[in-house]
């Protein structure tokens, strides 16, 4: 089995006769995500957003001890994302791919909403769940404005439709520049068999000439517990 097939099986949980179709879908998604990573940064921007921290590029510092992974739980759509360390409590809406095949974030007139790739993995289920949000709008910060300041060990809580709360621990924060954006690195699973989560937003510095950001911030987390609302 190729690395590409293994990644797709881990993200979608599919196997057997559906593997070929799943592999094709994953290739399309990776291409779309690569385009998203390069082009979603063309935002309608009017305020000065922060440059993301260089520490993110190093991933997880060696002195941060992280908890063991919790076994994955079943499928259920996410309803809300809580990031206690950032003061974020945001509703979640399912999103798909746009006409280019790129992951479609929430509309710009919904800056406080997080988008979840609804054709992929549910947060807490085996594989990698993808969530995207804007960093800002023309006039104010958006839901993921402070995401670049997250650090390994912090908690992300996802309230699901089955009344379970999937509790994730951040293991790395990365800055992926537009010219070197690697969709597999950003969205592929870090360890087989885990329930993982990615938060993605714009990052780097804002180029007023091109009206776009120079990078994307990718927060990687994995399931470490469950709880009630």
Protein backbone atom coordinates (compact mmCIF):
# COMPACT_ATOMS: atom_id res chain seq x y z
CA UNK A 1 0.00 0.00 0.00
CA UNK A 2 1.32 3.46 -0.86
CA UNK A 3 1.85 6.21 1.68
CA UNK A 4 -0.99 8.09 -0.02
CA UNK A 5 -3.43 5.20 0.56
CA UNK A 6 -2.34 4.85 4.18
CA UNK A 7 -2.93 8.54 4.82
CA UNK A 8 -6.39 8.35 3.26
CA UNK A 9 -7.36 5.26 5.26
CA UNK A 10 -6.30 6.95 8.48
CA UNK A 11 -8.16 10.17 7.72
CA UNK A 12 -11.39 8.68 6.41
CA UNK A 13 -11.40 5.32 8.13
CA UNK A 14 -12.19 3.68 4.78
CA UNK A 15 -10.70 0.44 3.51
CA UNK A 16 -11.28 -2.45 1.11
CA UNK A 17 -13.04 -1.81 -2.17
CA UNK A 18 -13.57 1.85 -1.33
CA UNK A 19 -9.85 2.53 -0.97
CA UNK A 20 -9.29 3.49 -4.61
CA UNK A 21 -12.12 6.02 -4.62
CA UNK A 22 -11.01 7.28 -1.23
CA UNK A 23 -7.48 7.70 -2.54
CA UNK A 24 -8.70 9.72 -5.50
CA UNK A 25 -10.82 11.88 -3.20
CA UNK A 26 -7.83 12.48 -0.95
CA UNK A 27 -5.63 13.51 -3.87
CA UNK A 28 -8.30 16.00 -4.93
CA UNK A 29 -8.64 17.27 -1.38
CA UNK A 30 -4.89 17.65 -0.97
CA UNK A 31 -4.73 19.67 -4.17
CA UNK A 32 -7.61 21.81 -2.99
CA UNK A 33 -6.04 22.30 0.41
CA UNK A 34 -2.75 23.27 -1.24
CA UNK A 35 -4.62 25.86 -3.28
CA UNK A 36 -6.42 27.00 -0.14
CA UNK A 37 -3.13 27.36 1.70
CA UNK A 38 -1.74 29.49 -1.12
CA UNK A 39 -4.82 31.50 -2.05
CA UNK A 40 -7.19 31.83 0.90
CA UNK A 41 -4.85 34.47 2.22
CA UNK A 42 -6.23 36.92 -0.35
CA UNK A 43 -8.53 38.36 2.31
CA UNK A 44 -10.50 41.56 2.35
CA UNK A 45 -8.23 43.18 4.88
CA UNK A 46 -8.35 46.57 6.53
CA UNK A 47 -6.65 46.24 9.92
CA UNK A 48 -3.12 45.44 10.96
CA UNK A 49 -2.91 41.78 11.91
CA UNK A 50 -0.05 40.29 13.94
CA UNK A 51 2.85 38.45 12.47
CA UNK A 52 2.82 34.88 13.72
CA UNK A 53 5.52 33.78 16.11
CA UNK A 54 8.68 32.20 14.78
CA UNK A 55 8.54 29.63 17.60
CA UNK A 56 5.74 27.94 15.67
CA UNK A 57 8.10 26.79 12.96
CA UNK A 58 10.00 24.72 15.50
CA UNK A 59 6.88 22.74 16.45
CA UNK A 60 6.94 21.36 19.99
CA UNK A 61 9.73 22.47 22.36
CA UNK A 62 11.58 19.49 23.90
CA UNK A 63 10.76 20.51 27.50
CA UNK A 64 6.97 20.31 27.07
CA UNK A 65 5.56 17.03 28.42
CA UNK A 66 2.31 16.08 26.75
CA UNK A 67 -0.36 13.64 27.99
CA UNK A 68 -1.01 10.27 26.38
CA UNK A 69 -3.55 10.00 23.60
CA UNK A 70 -7.11 9.01 24.43
CA UNK A 71 -8.73 6.30 22.33
CA UNK A 72 -10.86 7.75 19.50
CA UNK A 73 -14.60 8.05 19.90
CA UNK A 74 -17.39 7.65 17.35
CA UNK A 75 -18.59 10.07 14.69
CA UNK A 76 -20.69 13.10 15.62
CA UNK A 77 -20.74 16.56 14.04
CA UNK A 78 -19.07 19.39 16.00
CA UNK A 79 -21.23 22.22 17.27
CA UNK A 80 -18.84 24.52 19.12
CA UNK A 81 -15.12 25.06 19.62
CA UNK A 82 -13.79 26.34 22.94
CA UNK A 83 -10.17 27.45 23.37
CA UNK A 84 -9.93 28.47 27.03
CA UNK A 85 -6.45 29.93 26.74
CA UNK A 86 -7.61 32.37 24.04
CA UNK A 87 -11.07 33.10 25.36
CA UNK A 88 -12.62 31.63 22.21
CA UNK A 89 -16.10 30.10 22.16
CA UNK A 90 -17.25 29.76 18.57
CA UNK A 91 -20.03 27.97 16.71
CA UNK A 92 -19.03 25.48 14.05
CA UNK A 93 -20.58 25.09 10.60
CA UNK A 94 -19.96 22.33 8.10
CA UNK A 95 -18.11 23.41 4.96
CA UNK A 96 -17.15 21.70 1.73
CA UNK A 97 -14.96 22.49 -1.25
CA UNK A 98 -15.38 25.49 -3.52
CA UNK A 99 -15.47 25.44 -7.32
CA UNK A 100 -11.67 25.15 -7.46
CA UNK A 101 -11.68 22.14 -5.17
CA UNK A 102 -10.23 24.18 -2.31
CA UNK A 103 -11.51 24.03 1.27
CA UNK A 104 -14.16 26.70 1.62
CA UNK A 105 -13.88 28.75 4.85
CA UNK A 106 -16.90 30.48 6.41
CA UNK A 107 -18.12 33.65 4.66
CA UNK A 108 -16.29 36.86 5.58
CA UNK A 109 -19.48 38.23 7.10
CA UNK A 110 -19.28 35.46 9.74
CA UNK A 111 -15.93 36.29 11.38
CA UNK A 112 -16.82 34.53 14.63
CA UNK A 113 -17.64 31.19 13.01
CA UNK A 114 -15.34 28.19 12.56
CA UNK A 115 -15.64 25.98 9.48
CA UNK A 116 -15.33 22.20 9.70
CA UNK A 117 -14.61 20.04 6.64
CA UNK A 118 -17.86 18.07 6.83
CA UNK A 119 -16.88 15.47 4.22
CA UNK A 120 -13.91 14.47 6.35
CA UNK A 121 -13.37 13.25 9.89
CA UNK A 122 -15.45 14.37 12.87
CA UNK A 123 -13.41 15.75 15.79
CA UNK A 124 -12.74 12.84 18.15
CA UNK A 125 -13.11 10.12 15.53
CA UNK A 126 -10.05 8.29 14.17
CA UNK A 127 -8.10 10.37 11.68
CA UNK A 128 -7.56 14.09 11.17
CA UNK A 129 -10.42 16.57 11.55
CA UNK A 130 -9.94 19.89 9.75
CA UNK A 131 -11.20 23.25 11.03
CA UNK A 132 -10.60 26.65 9.44
CA UNK A 133 -11.30 30.22 10.51
CA UNK A 134 -10.45 33.76 9.49
CA UNK A 135 -7.80 35.78 11.26
CA UNK A 136 -9.53 39.11 10.63
CA UNK A 137 -11.94 41.10 8.48
CA UNK A 138 -11.72 44.56 6.93
CA UNK A 139 -12.24 46.20 10.28
CA UNK A 140 -11.73 43.80 13.20
CA UNK A 141 -10.15 40.58 14.43
CA UNK A 142 -11.85 37.29 13.59
CA UNK A 143 -12.22 34.01 15.46
CA UNK A 144 -8.65 32.73 14.93
CA UNK A 145 -6.89 36.08 15.41
CA UNK A 146 -4.87 34.76 18.38
CA UNK A 147 -4.38 31.19 17.20
CA UNK A 148 -0.75 31.84 16.25
CA UNK A 149 -0.05 32.56 19.93
CA UNK A 150 -1.06 29.05 21.02
CA UNK A 151 1.54 26.82 22.59
CA UNK A 152 1.97 23.04 22.96
CA UNK A 153 0.10 21.73 25.97
CA UNK A 154 -2.89 24.07 25.61
CA UNK A 155 -6.41 22.66 25.38
CA UNK A 156 -8.99 22.78 22.61
CA UNK A 157 -12.49 21.54 23.46
CA UNK A 158 -14.97 20.55 20.77
CA UNK A 159 -18.62 20.18 21.79
CA UNK A 160 -20.29 17.58 19.58
CA UNK A 161 -23.87 16.83 18.58
CA UNK A 162 -23.85 13.63 20.67
CA UNK A 163 -23.36 15.75 23.84
CA UNK A 164 -19.77 14.55 24.18
CA UNK A 165 -16.89 16.99 24.48
CA UNK A 166 -13.71 15.97 22.67
CA UNK A 167 -10.73 17.44 24.53
CA UNK A 168 -7.60 17.94 22.46
CA UNK A 169 -4.08 18.89 23.51
CA UNK A 170 -1.96 21.03 21.21
CA UNK A 171 1.29 19.35 20.22
CA UNK A 172 2.68 21.79 17.68
CA UNK A 173 2.08 25.13 16.01
CA UNK A 174 3.60 25.65 12.59
CA UNK A 175 3.95 28.46 10.11
CA UNK A 176 3.86 27.23 6.52
CA UNK A 177 4.82 29.88 4.01
CA UNK A 178 2.79 30.20 0.82
CA UNK A 179 5.68 29.29 -1.43
CA UNK A 180 6.48 26.16 0.57
CA UNK A 181 3.00 25.10 1.65
CA UNK A 182 2.80 21.30 1.95
CA UNK A 183 -0.77 20.02 2.29
CA UNK A 184 0.36 16.55 3.36
CA UNK A 185 2.53 18.01 6.12
CA UNK A 186 -0.27 20.30 7.23
CA UNK A 187 -3.20 17.90 7.17
CA UNK A 188 -1.83 14.38 7.20
CA UNK A 189 -1.95 12.36 10.45
CA UNK A 190 1.00 12.60 12.80
CA UNK A 191 0.46 9.15 14.36
CA UNK A 192 -1.63 6.28 13.05
CA UNK A 193 -4.73 5.38 15.05
CA UNK A 194 -5.12 8.68 16.89
CA UNK A 195 -7.95 11.19 16.74
CA UNK A 196 -6.30 14.42 15.59
CA UNK A 197 -7.40 17.99 14.95
CA UNK A 198 -6.01 20.80 12.80
CA UNK A 199 -6.87 24.46 13.18
CA UNK A 200 -5.86 26.50 10.14
CA UNK A 201 -5.83 30.23 9.51
CA UNK A 202 -3.84 32.93 7.74
CA UNK A 203 -0.48 33.93 9.17
CA UNK A 204 2.87 35.49 8.55
CA UNK A 205 2.88 39.15 7.57
CA UNK A 206 0.32 40.99 5.49
CA UNK A 207 1.48 42.12 2.06
CA UNK A 208 -0.51 45.22 1.13
CA UNK A 209 0.69 45.06 -2.46
CA UNK A 210 -0.73 41.59 -3.13
CA UNK A 211 -3.47 41.99 -0.48
CA UNK A 212 -2.58 38.63 0.98
CA UNK A 213 -0.79 37.00 3.89
CA UNK A 214 2.55 35.32 3.39
CA UNK A 215 1.83 32.10 5.29
CA UNK A 216 -0.68 29.88 7.04
CA UNK A 217 -0.77 28.91 10.70
CA UNK A 218 -1.46 25.24 11.38
CA UNK A 219 -2.21 24.13 14.95
CA UNK A 220 -1.92 20.37 15.43
CA UNK A 221 -3.67 18.69 18.35
CA UNK A 222 -4.71 15.18 19.36
CA UNK A 223 -7.48 13.73 21.53
CA UNK A 224 -6.46 13.37 25.18
CA UNK A 225 -9.83 13.15 26.95
CA UNK A 226 -13.60 13.39 26.78
CA UNK A 227 -16.22 15.00 28.94
CA UNK A 228 -19.73 16.41 29.08
CA UNK A 229 -20.94 19.88 28.05
